[in-house]
């Protein structure tokens, strides 16, 4: 059995090697785990936890909030159609 400090070191190494949330940038309208939001600005970035973004909910009247994005979250893009 491995010692506690060694296990902690292994966990920290795994978290540090975890990739950042791909392709997120200010102004994007996305579905984050099924909820439509607009990305306002990046609050913080921590390789172990993920990225915290200030978001504005879309299609509902709710206040802006901070949301944690991790690399294993479901992120899809809101597609819009332009009418000419």
PDB file of N, CA and C in Angstrom:
ATOM      1  N   UNK A   1       0.838  -1.182   0.000  1.00  0.00           N
ATOM      2  CA  UNK A   1       0.000   0.000   0.000  1.00  0.00           C
ATOM      3  C   UNK A   1       0.883   1.245   0.000  1.00  0.00           C
ATOM      4  N   UNK A   2       0.470   2.263  -0.758  1.00  0.00           N
ATOM      5  CA  UNK A   2       1.257   3.487  -0.865  1.00  0.00           C
ATOM      6  C   UNK A   2       0.979   4.399   0.314  1.00  0.00           C
ATOM      7  N   UNK A   3       1.982   5.202   0.675  1.00  0.00           N
ATOM      8  CA  UNK A   3       1.823   6.114   1.804  1.00  0.00           C
ATOM      9  C   UNK A   3       0.959   7.306   1.406  1.00  0.00           C
ATOM     10  N   UNK A   4       0.367   7.984   2.382  1.00  0.00           N
ATOM     11  CA  UNK A   4      -0.523   9.125   2.138  1.00  0.00           C
ATOM     12  C   UNK A   4       0.178  10.263   1.393  1.00  0.00           C
ATOM     13  N   UNK A   5       1.417  10.661   1.787  1.00  0.00           N
ATOM     14  CA  UNK A   5       2.081  11.737   1.033  1.00  0.00           C
ATOM     15  C   UNK A   5       2.321  11.372  -0.433  1.00  0.00           C
ATOM     16  N   UNK A   6       2.627  10.117  -0.689  1.00  0.00           N
ATOM     17  CA  UNK A   6       2.862   9.679  -2.060  1.00  0.00           C
ATOM     18  C   UNK A   6       1.561   9.733  -2.867  1.00  0.00           C
ATOM     19  N   UNK A   7       0.455   9.295  -2.262  1.00  0.00           N
ATOM     20  CA  UNK A   7      -0.840   9.357  -2.939  1.00  0.00           C
ATOM     21  C   UNK A   7      -1.227  10.807  -3.240  1.00  0.00           C
ATOM     22  N   UNK A   8      -0.981  11.712  -2.289  1.00  0.00           N
ATOM     23  CA  UNK A   8      -1.281  13.130  -2.489  1.00  0.00           C
ATOM     24  C   UNK A   8      -0.454  13.686  -3.652  1.00  0.00           C
ATOM     25  N   UNK A   9       0.798  13.304  -3.717  1.00  0.00           N
ATOM     26  CA  UNK A   9       1.696  13.744  -4.783  1.00  0.00           C
ATOM     27  C   UNK A   9       1.209  13.236  -6.142  1.00  0.00           C
ATOM     28  N   UNK A  10       0.753  11.998  -6.200  1.00  0.00           N
ATOM     29  CA  UNK A  10       0.236  11.422  -7.442  1.00  0.00           C
ATOM     30  C   UNK A  10      -1.022  12.167  -7.879  1.00  0.00           C
ATOM     31  N   UNK A  11      -1.941  12.433  -6.943  1.00  0.00           N
ATOM     32  CA  UNK A  11      -3.170  13.155  -7.258  1.00  0.00           C
ATOM     33  C   UNK A  11      -2.868  14.546  -7.789  1.00  0.00           C
ATOM     34  N   UNK A  12      -1.944  15.263  -7.147  1.00  0.00           N
ATOM     35  CA  UNK A  12      -1.589  16.608  -7.581  1.00  0.00           C
ATOM     36  C   UNK A  12      -0.991  16.584  -8.985  1.00  0.00           C
ATOM     37  N   UNK A  13      -0.189  15.576  -9.278  1.00  0.00           N
ATOM     38  CA  UNK A  13       0.418  15.445 -10.599  1.00  0.00           C
ATOM     39  C   UNK A  13      -0.666  15.206 -11.656  1.00  0.00           C
ATOM     40  N   UNK A  14      -1.644  14.348 -11.341  1.00  0.00           N
ATOM     41  CA  UNK A  14      -2.754  14.084 -12.265  1.00  0.00           C
ATOM     42  C   UNK A  14      -3.556  15.349 -12.533  1.00  0.00           C
ATOM     43  N   UNK A  15      -3.833  16.120 -11.492  1.00  0.00           N
ATOM     44  CA  UNK A  15      -4.603  17.351 -11.648  1.00  0.00           C
ATOM     45  C   UNK A  15      -3.836  18.388 -12.451  1.00  0.00           C
ATOM     46  N   UNK A  16      -2.538  18.485 -12.230  1.00  0.00           N
ATOM     47  CA  UNK A  16      -1.728  19.473 -12.947  1.00  0.00           C
ATOM     48  C   UNK A  16      -1.650  19.156 -14.437  1.00  0.00           C
ATOM     49  N   UNK A  17      -1.704  17.879 -14.783  1.00  0.00           N
ATOM     50  CA  UNK A  17      -1.597  17.504 -16.190  1.00  0.00           C
ATOM     51  C   UNK A  17      -2.945  17.559 -16.911  1.00  0.00           C
ATOM     52  N   UNK A  18      -4.017  17.814 -16.170  1.00  0.00           N
ATOM     53  CA  UNK A  18      -5.346  17.891 -16.768  1.00  0.00           C
ATOM     54  C   UNK A  18      -5.442  19.075 -17.714  1.00  0.00           C
ATOM     55  N   UNK A  19      -5.993  18.897 -18.889  1.00  0.00           N
ATOM     56  CA  UNK A  19      -6.058  20.005 -19.845  1.00  0.00           C
ATOM     57  C   UNK A  19      -7.057  21.075 -19.428  1.00  0.00           C
ATOM     58  N   UNK A  20      -6.797  22.300 -19.881  1.00  0.00           N
ATOM     59  CA  UNK A  20      -7.738  23.392 -19.642  1.00  0.00           C
ATOM     60  C   UNK A  20      -9.000  23.155 -20.454  1.00  0.00           C
ATOM     61  N   UNK A  21     -10.034  23.911 -20.126  1.00  0.00           N
ATOM     62  CA  UNK A  21     -11.270  23.826 -20.896  1.00  0.00           C
ATOM     63  C   UNK A  21     -10.978  24.394 -22.283  1.00  0.00           C
ATOM     64  N   UNK A  22     -11.183  23.600 -23.337  1.00  0.00           N
ATOM     65  CA  UNK A  22     -10.781  24.037 -24.672  1.00  0.00           C
ATOM     66  C   UNK A  22     -11.700  25.103 -25.270  1.00  0.00           C
ATOM     67  N   UNK A  23     -11.114  25.997 -26.012  1.00  0.00           N
ATOM     68  CA  UNK A  23     -11.807  26.928 -26.895  1.00  0.00           C
ATOM     69  C   UNK A  23     -12.835  27.853 -26.252  1.00  0.00           C
ATOM     70  N   UNK A  24     -12.733  28.195 -25.022  1.00  0.00           N
ATOM     71  CA  UNK A  24     -13.669  29.145 -24.436  1.00  0.00           C
ATOM     72  C   UNK A  24     -13.092  30.539 -24.556  1.00  0.00           C
ATOM     73  N   UNK A  25     -13.926  31.489 -24.976  1.00  0.00           N
ATOM     74  CA  UNK A  25     -13.483  32.873 -25.045  1.00  0.00           C
ATOM     75  C   UNK A  25     -14.663  33.811 -24.802  1.00  0.00           C
ATOM     76  N   UNK A  26     -14.324  34.996 -24.408  1.00  0.00           N
ATOM     77  CA  UNK A  26     -15.304  36.025 -24.061  1.00  0.00           C
ATOM     78  C   UNK A  26     -16.311  36.230 -25.196  1.00  0.00           C
ATOM     79  N   UNK A  27     -17.581  36.352 -24.831  1.00  0.00           N
ATOM     80  CA  UNK A  27     -18.629  36.630 -25.803  1.00  0.00           C
ATOM     81  C   UNK A  27     -19.303  35.402 -26.397  1.00  0.00           C
ATOM     82  N   UNK A  28     -18.736  34.218 -26.165  1.00  0.00           N
ATOM     83  CA  UNK A  28     -19.335  33.001 -26.723  1.00  0.00           C
ATOM     84  C   UNK A  28     -20.681  32.715 -26.067  1.00  0.00           C
ATOM     85  N   UNK A  29     -21.600  32.214 -26.866  1.00  0.00           N
ATOM     86  CA  UNK A  29     -22.880  31.733 -26.353  1.00  0.00           C
ATOM     87  C   UNK A  29     -22.848  30.218 -26.462  1.00  0.00           C
ATOM     88  N   UNK A  30     -22.936  29.565 -25.308  1.00  0.00           N
ATOM     89  CA  UNK A  30     -22.766  28.106 -25.260  1.00  0.00           C
ATOM     90  C   UNK A  30     -23.814  27.470 -24.369  1.00  0.00           C
ATOM     91  N   UNK A  31     -23.928  26.157 -24.481  1.00  0.00           N
ATOM     92  CA  UNK A  31     -24.672  25.366 -23.507  1.00  0.00           C
ATOM     93  C   UNK A  31     -23.628  24.738 -22.592  1.00  0.00           C
ATOM     94  N   UNK A  32     -23.686  25.055 -21.307  1.00  0.00           N
ATOM     95  CA  UNK A  32     -22.765  24.473 -20.325  1.00  0.00           C
ATOM     96  C   UNK A  32     -23.553  23.472 -19.507  1.00  0.00           C
ATOM     97  N   UNK A  33     -23.281  22.195 -19.731  1.00  0.00           N
ATOM     98  CA  UNK A  33     -24.022  21.106 -19.084  1.00  0.00           C
ATOM     99  C   UNK A  33     -25.526  21.276 -19.283  1.00  0.00           C
ATOM    100  N   UNK A  34     -25.912  21.698 -20.493  1.00  0.00           N
ATOM    101  CA  UNK A  34     -27.325  21.815 -20.843  1.00  0.00           C
ATOM    102  C   UNK A  34     -27.958  23.171 -20.583  1.00  0.00           C
ATOM    103  N   UNK A  35     -27.244  24.093 -19.936  1.00  0.00           N
ATOM    104  CA  UNK A  35     -27.795  25.415 -19.628  1.00  0.00           C
ATOM    105  C   UNK A  35     -27.205  26.455 -20.572  1.00  0.00           C
ATOM    106  N   UNK A  36     -28.045  27.229 -21.272  1.00  0.00           N
ATOM    107  CA  UNK A  36     -27.527  28.232 -22.204  1.00  0.00           C
ATOM    108  C   UNK A  36     -27.005  29.472 -21.473  1.00  0.00           C
ATOM    109  N   UNK A  37     -25.765  29.844 -21.756  1.00  0.00           N
ATOM    110  CA  UNK A  37     -25.144  31.011 -21.121  1.00  0.00           C
ATOM    111  C   UNK A  37     -24.263  31.753 -22.124  1.00  0.00           C
ATOM    112  N   UNK A  38     -23.992  33.025 -21.825  1.00  0.00           N
ATOM    113  CA  UNK A  38     -23.016  33.810 -22.578  1.00  0.00           C
ATOM    114  C   UNK A  38     -21.827  34.054 -21.670  1.00  0.00           C
ATOM    115  N   UNK A  39     -20.609  33.839 -22.175  1.00  0.00           N
ATOM    116  CA  UNK A  39     -19.395  34.053 -21.387  1.00  0.00           C
ATOM    117  C   UNK A  39     -19.067  35.545 -21.375  1.00  0.00           C
ATOM    118  N   UNK A  40     -19.026  36.138 -20.179  1.00  0.00           N
ATOM    119  CA  UNK A  40     -18.739  37.568 -20.057  1.00  0.00           C
ATOM    120  C   UNK A  40     -17.244  37.822 -19.900  1.00  0.00           C
ATOM    121  N   UNK A  41     -16.617  37.172 -18.920  1.00  0.00           N
ATOM    122  CA  UNK A  41     -15.169  37.296 -18.733  1.00  0.00           C
ATOM    123  C   UNK A  41     -14.662  36.192 -17.821  1.00  0.00           C
ATOM    124  N   UNK A  42     -13.362  35.905 -17.957  1.00  0.00           N
ATOM    125  CA  UNK A  42     -12.707  34.875 -17.147  1.00  0.00           C
ATOM    126  C   UNK A  42     -12.386  35.452 -15.783  1.00  0.00           C
ATOM    127  N   UNK A  43     -12.869  34.808 -14.733  1.00  0.00           N
ATOM    128  CA  UNK A  43     -12.631  35.266 -13.360  1.00  0.00           C
ATOM    129  C   UNK A  43     -11.310  34.711 -12.847  1.00  0.00           C
ATOM    130  N   UNK A  44     -11.121  33.391 -12.990  1.00  0.00           N
ATOM    131  CA  UNK A  44      -9.865  32.774 -12.544  1.00  0.00           C
ATOM    132  C   UNK A  44      -9.635  31.467 -13.285  1.00  0.00           C
ATOM    133  N   UNK A  45      -8.375  31.047 -13.271  1.00  0.00           N
ATOM    134  CA  UNK A  45      -7.989  29.803 -13.936  1.00  0.00           C
ATOM    135  C   UNK A  45      -7.076  29.035 -12.996  1.00  0.00           C
ATOM    136  N   UNK A  46      -7.469  27.825 -12.669  1.00  0.00           N
ATOM    137  CA  UNK A  46      -6.696  26.973 -11.777  1.00  0.00           C
ATOM    138  C   UNK A  46      -6.592  25.612 -12.456  1.00  0.00           C
ATOM    139  N   UNK A  47      -5.380  25.169 -12.755  1.00  0.00           N
ATOM    140  CA  UNK A  47      -5.210  23.909 -13.487  1.00  0.00           C
ATOM    141  C   UNK A  47      -5.850  22.733 -12.774  1.00  0.00           C
ATOM    142  N   UNK A  48      -5.922  22.767 -11.472  1.00  0.00           N
ATOM    143  CA  UNK A  48      -6.525  21.667 -10.718  1.00  0.00           C
ATOM    144  C   UNK A  48      -8.037  21.679 -10.753  1.00  0.00           C
ATOM    145  N   UNK A  49      -8.639  22.846 -10.642  1.00  0.00           N
ATOM    146  CA  UNK A  49     -10.104  22.946 -10.570  1.00  0.00           C
ATOM    147  C   UNK A  49     -10.744  23.203 -11.919  1.00  0.00           C
ATOM    148  N   UNK A  50     -10.150  24.033 -12.728  1.00  0.00           N
ATOM    149  CA  UNK A  50     -10.744  24.424 -14.006  1.00  0.00           C
ATOM    150  C   UNK A  50     -10.742  25.935 -14.130  1.00  0.00           C
ATOM    151  N   UNK A  51     -11.690  26.470 -14.886  1.00  0.00           N
ATOM    152  CA  UNK A  51     -11.791  27.909 -15.087  1.00  0.00           C
ATOM    153  C   UNK A  51     -13.109  28.411 -14.520  1.00  0.00           C
ATOM    154  N   UNK A  52     -13.061  29.559 -13.876  1.00  0.00           N
ATOM    155  CA  UNK A  52     -14.279  30.193 -13.383  1.00  0.00           C
ATOM    156  C   UNK A  52     -14.583  31.365 -14.301  1.00  0.00           C
ATOM    157  N   UNK A  53     -15.771  31.346 -14.907  1.00  0.00           N
ATOM    158  CA  UNK A  53     -16.216  32.395 -15.816  1.00  0.00           C
ATOM    159  C   UNK A  53     -17.428  33.097 -15.232  1.00  0.00           C
ATOM    160  N   UNK A  54     -17.521  34.403 -15.445  1.00  0.00           N
ATOM    161  CA  UNK A  54     -18.740  35.140 -15.150  1.00  0.00           C
ATOM    162  C   UNK A  54     -19.624  34.928 -16.368  1.00  0.00           C
ATOM    163  N   UNK A  55     -20.842  34.423 -16.152  1.00  0.00           N
ATOM    164  CA  UNK A  55     -21.742  34.112 -17.258  1.00  0.00           C
ATOM    165  C   UNK A  55     -23.072  34.835 -17.102  1.00  0.00           C
ATOM    166  N   UNK A  56     -23.742  35.047 -18.227  1.00  0.00           N
ATOM    167  CA  UNK A  56     -25.091  35.613 -18.252  1.00  0.00           C
ATOM    168  C   UNK A  56     -26.014  34.550 -18.842  1.00  0.00           C
ATOM    169  N   UNK A  57     -27.021  34.121 -18.073  1.00  0.00           N
ATOM    170  CA  UNK A  57     -27.967  33.127 -18.599  1.00  0.00           C
ATOM    171  C   UNK A  57     -28.698  33.664 -19.833  1.00  0.00           C
ATOM    172  N   UNK A  58     -28.930  32.801 -20.802  1.00  0.00           N
ATOM    173  CA  UNK A  58     -29.653  33.170 -22.018  1.00  0.00           C
ATOM    174  C   UNK A  58     -31.092  32.671 -21.941  1.00  0.00           C
ATOM    175  N   UNK A  59     -31.993  33.401 -22.558  1.00  0.00           N
ATOM    176  CA  UNK A  59     -33.402  33.030 -22.715  1.00  0.00           C
ATOM    177  C   UNK A  59     -34.210  33.068 -21.425  1.00  0.00           C
ATOM    178  N   UNK A  60     -33.626  33.492 -20.315  1.00  0.00           N
ATOM    179  CA  UNK A  60     -34.342  33.640 -19.042  1.00  0.00           C
ATOM    180  C   UNK A  60     -33.872  34.914 -18.357  1.00  0.00           C
ATOM    181  N   UNK A  61     -34.709  35.479 -17.519  1.00  0.00           N
ATOM    182  CA  UNK A  61     -34.351  36.693 -16.789  1.00  0.00           C
ATOM    183  C   UNK A  61     -33.738  36.301 -15.442  1.00  0.00           C
ATOM    184  N   UNK A  62     -32.445  36.067 -15.445  1.00  0.00           N
ATOM    185  CA  UNK A  62     -31.710  35.722 -14.224  1.00  0.00           C
ATOM    186  C   UNK A  62     -30.474  36.602 -14.134  1.00  0.00           C
ATOM    187  N   UNK A  63     -29.946  36.737 -12.931  1.00  0.00           N
ATOM    188  CA  UNK A  63     -28.749  37.555 -12.703  1.00  0.00           C
ATOM    189  C   UNK A  63     -27.499  36.851 -13.234  1.00  0.00           C
ATOM    190  N   UNK A  64     -26.480  37.659 -13.552  1.00  0.00           N
ATOM    191  CA  UNK A  64     -25.181  37.102 -13.932  1.00  0.00           C
ATOM    192  C   UNK A  64     -24.620  36.316 -12.749  1.00  0.00           C
ATOM    193  N   UNK A  65     -23.825  35.293 -13.043  1.00  0.00           N
ATOM    194  CA  UNK A  65     -23.252  34.475 -11.962  1.00  0.00           C
ATOM    195  C   UNK A  65     -21.894  33.937 -12.386  1.00  0.00           C
ATOM    196  N   UNK A  66     -21.140  33.471 -11.413  1.00  0.00           N
ATOM    197  CA  UNK A  66     -19.860  32.822 -11.682  1.00  0.00           C
ATOM    198  C   UNK A  66     -20.104  31.328 -11.781  1.00  0.00           C
ATOM    199  N   UNK A  67     -19.473  30.695 -12.775  1.00  0.00           N
ATOM    200  CA  UNK A  67     -19.642  29.266 -12.984  1.00  0.00           C
ATOM    201  C   UNK A  67     -18.305  28.603 -13.229  1.00  0.00           C
ATOM    202  N   UNK A  68     -18.115  27.420 -12.642  1.00  0.00           N
ATOM    203  CA  UNK A  68     -16.885  26.659 -12.807  1.00  0.00           C
ATOM    204  C   UNK A  68     -16.994  25.780 -14.046  1.00  0.00           C
ATOM    205  N   UNK A  69     -15.993  25.874 -14.928  1.00  0.00           N
ATOM    206  CA  UNK A  69     -15.913  25.039 -16.121  1.00  0.00           C
ATOM    207  C   UNK A  69     -14.727  24.099 -15.953  1.00  0.00           C
ATOM    208  N   UNK A  70     -14.970  22.795 -16.131  1.00  0.00           N
ATOM    209  CA  UNK A  70     -13.901  21.802 -16.058  1.00  0.00           C
ATOM    210  C   UNK A  70     -13.760  21.121 -17.404  1.00  0.00           C
ATOM    211  N   UNK A  71     -12.645  20.478 -17.622  1.00  0.00           N
ATOM    212  CA  UNK A  71     -12.383  19.850 -18.920  1.00  0.00           C
ATOM    213  C   UNK A  71     -13.356  18.715 -19.222  1.00  0.00           C
ATOM    214  N   UNK A  72     -13.978  18.124 -18.216  1.00  0.00           N
ATOM    215  CA  UNK A  72     -14.907  17.022 -18.471  1.00  0.00           C
ATOM    216  C   UNK A  72     -16.368  17.476 -18.519  1.00  0.00           C
ATOM    217  N   UNK A  73     -16.623  18.798 -18.480  1.00  0.00           N
ATOM    218  CA  UNK A  73     -17.985  19.320 -18.620  1.00  0.00           C
ATOM    219  C   UNK A  73     -18.463  19.180 -20.058  1.00  0.00           C
ATOM    220  N   UNK A  74     -19.776  19.141 -20.219  1.00  0.00           N
ATOM    221  CA  UNK A  74     -20.378  19.109 -21.554  1.00  0.00           C
ATOM    222  C   UNK A  74     -20.567  20.540 -22.039  1.00  0.00           C
ATOM    223  N   UNK A  75     -19.871  20.929 -23.090  1.00  0.00           N
ATOM    224  CA  UNK A  75     -19.967  22.277 -23.649  1.00  0.00           C
ATOM    225  C   UNK A  75     -20.306  22.152 -25.129  1.00  0.00           C
ATOM    226  N   UNK A  76     -21.441  22.747 -25.518  1.00  0.00           N
ATOM    227  CA  UNK A  76     -21.813  22.798 -26.930  1.00  0.00           C
ATOM    228  C   UNK A  76     -22.132  24.247 -27.266  1.00  0.00           C
ATOM    229  N   UNK A  77     -22.081  24.564 -28.538  1.00  0.00           N
ATOM    230  CA  UNK A  77     -22.244  25.953 -28.963  1.00  0.00           C
ATOM    231  C   UNK A  77     -23.679  26.227 -29.394  1.00  0.00           C
ATOM    232  N   UNK A  78     -24.162  27.431 -29.064  1.00  0.00           N
ATOM    233  CA  UNK A  78     -25.481  27.869 -29.494  1.00  0.00           C
ATOM    234  C   UNK A  78     -25.344  28.302 -30.952  1.00  0.00           C
ATOM    235  N   UNK A  79     -26.128  27.710 -31.818  1.00  0.00           N
ATOM    236  CA  UNK A  79     -26.094  28.071 -33.243  1.00  0.00           C
ATOM    237  C   UNK A  79     -27.228  29.044 -33.531  1.00  0.00           C
ATOM    238  N   UNK A  80     -26.906  30.119 -34.199  1.00  0.00           N
ATOM    239  CA  UNK A  80     -27.923  31.108 -34.543  1.00  0.00           C
ATOM    240  C   UNK A  80     -28.111  31.144 -36.049  1.00  0.00           C
ATOM    241  N   UNK A  81     -29.301  31.504 -36.458  1.00  0.00           N
ATOM    242  CA  UNK A  81     -29.621  31.611 -37.874  1.00  0.00           C
ATOM    243  C   UNK A  81     -29.907  33.066 -38.185  1.00  0.00           C
ATOM    244  N   UNK A  82     -29.274  33.580 -39.214  1.00  0.00           N
ATOM    245  CA  UNK A  82     -29.508  34.959 -39.632  1.00  0.00           C
ATOM    246  C   UNK A  82     -30.543  34.973 -40.744  1.00  0.00           C
ATOM    247  N   UNK A  83     -31.492  35.858 -40.622  1.00  0.00           N
ATOM    248  CA  UNK A  83     -32.509  36.043 -41.655  1.00  0.00           C
ATOM    249  C   UNK A  83     -32.166  37.309 -42.416  1.00  0.00           C
ATOM    250  N   UNK A  84     -32.095  37.193 -43.738  1.00  0.00           N
ATOM    251  CA  UNK A  84     -31.730  38.368 -44.554  1.00  0.00           C
ATOM    252  C   UNK A  84     -32.948  39.057 -45.080  1.00  0.00           C
TER     253      UNK A  84
END
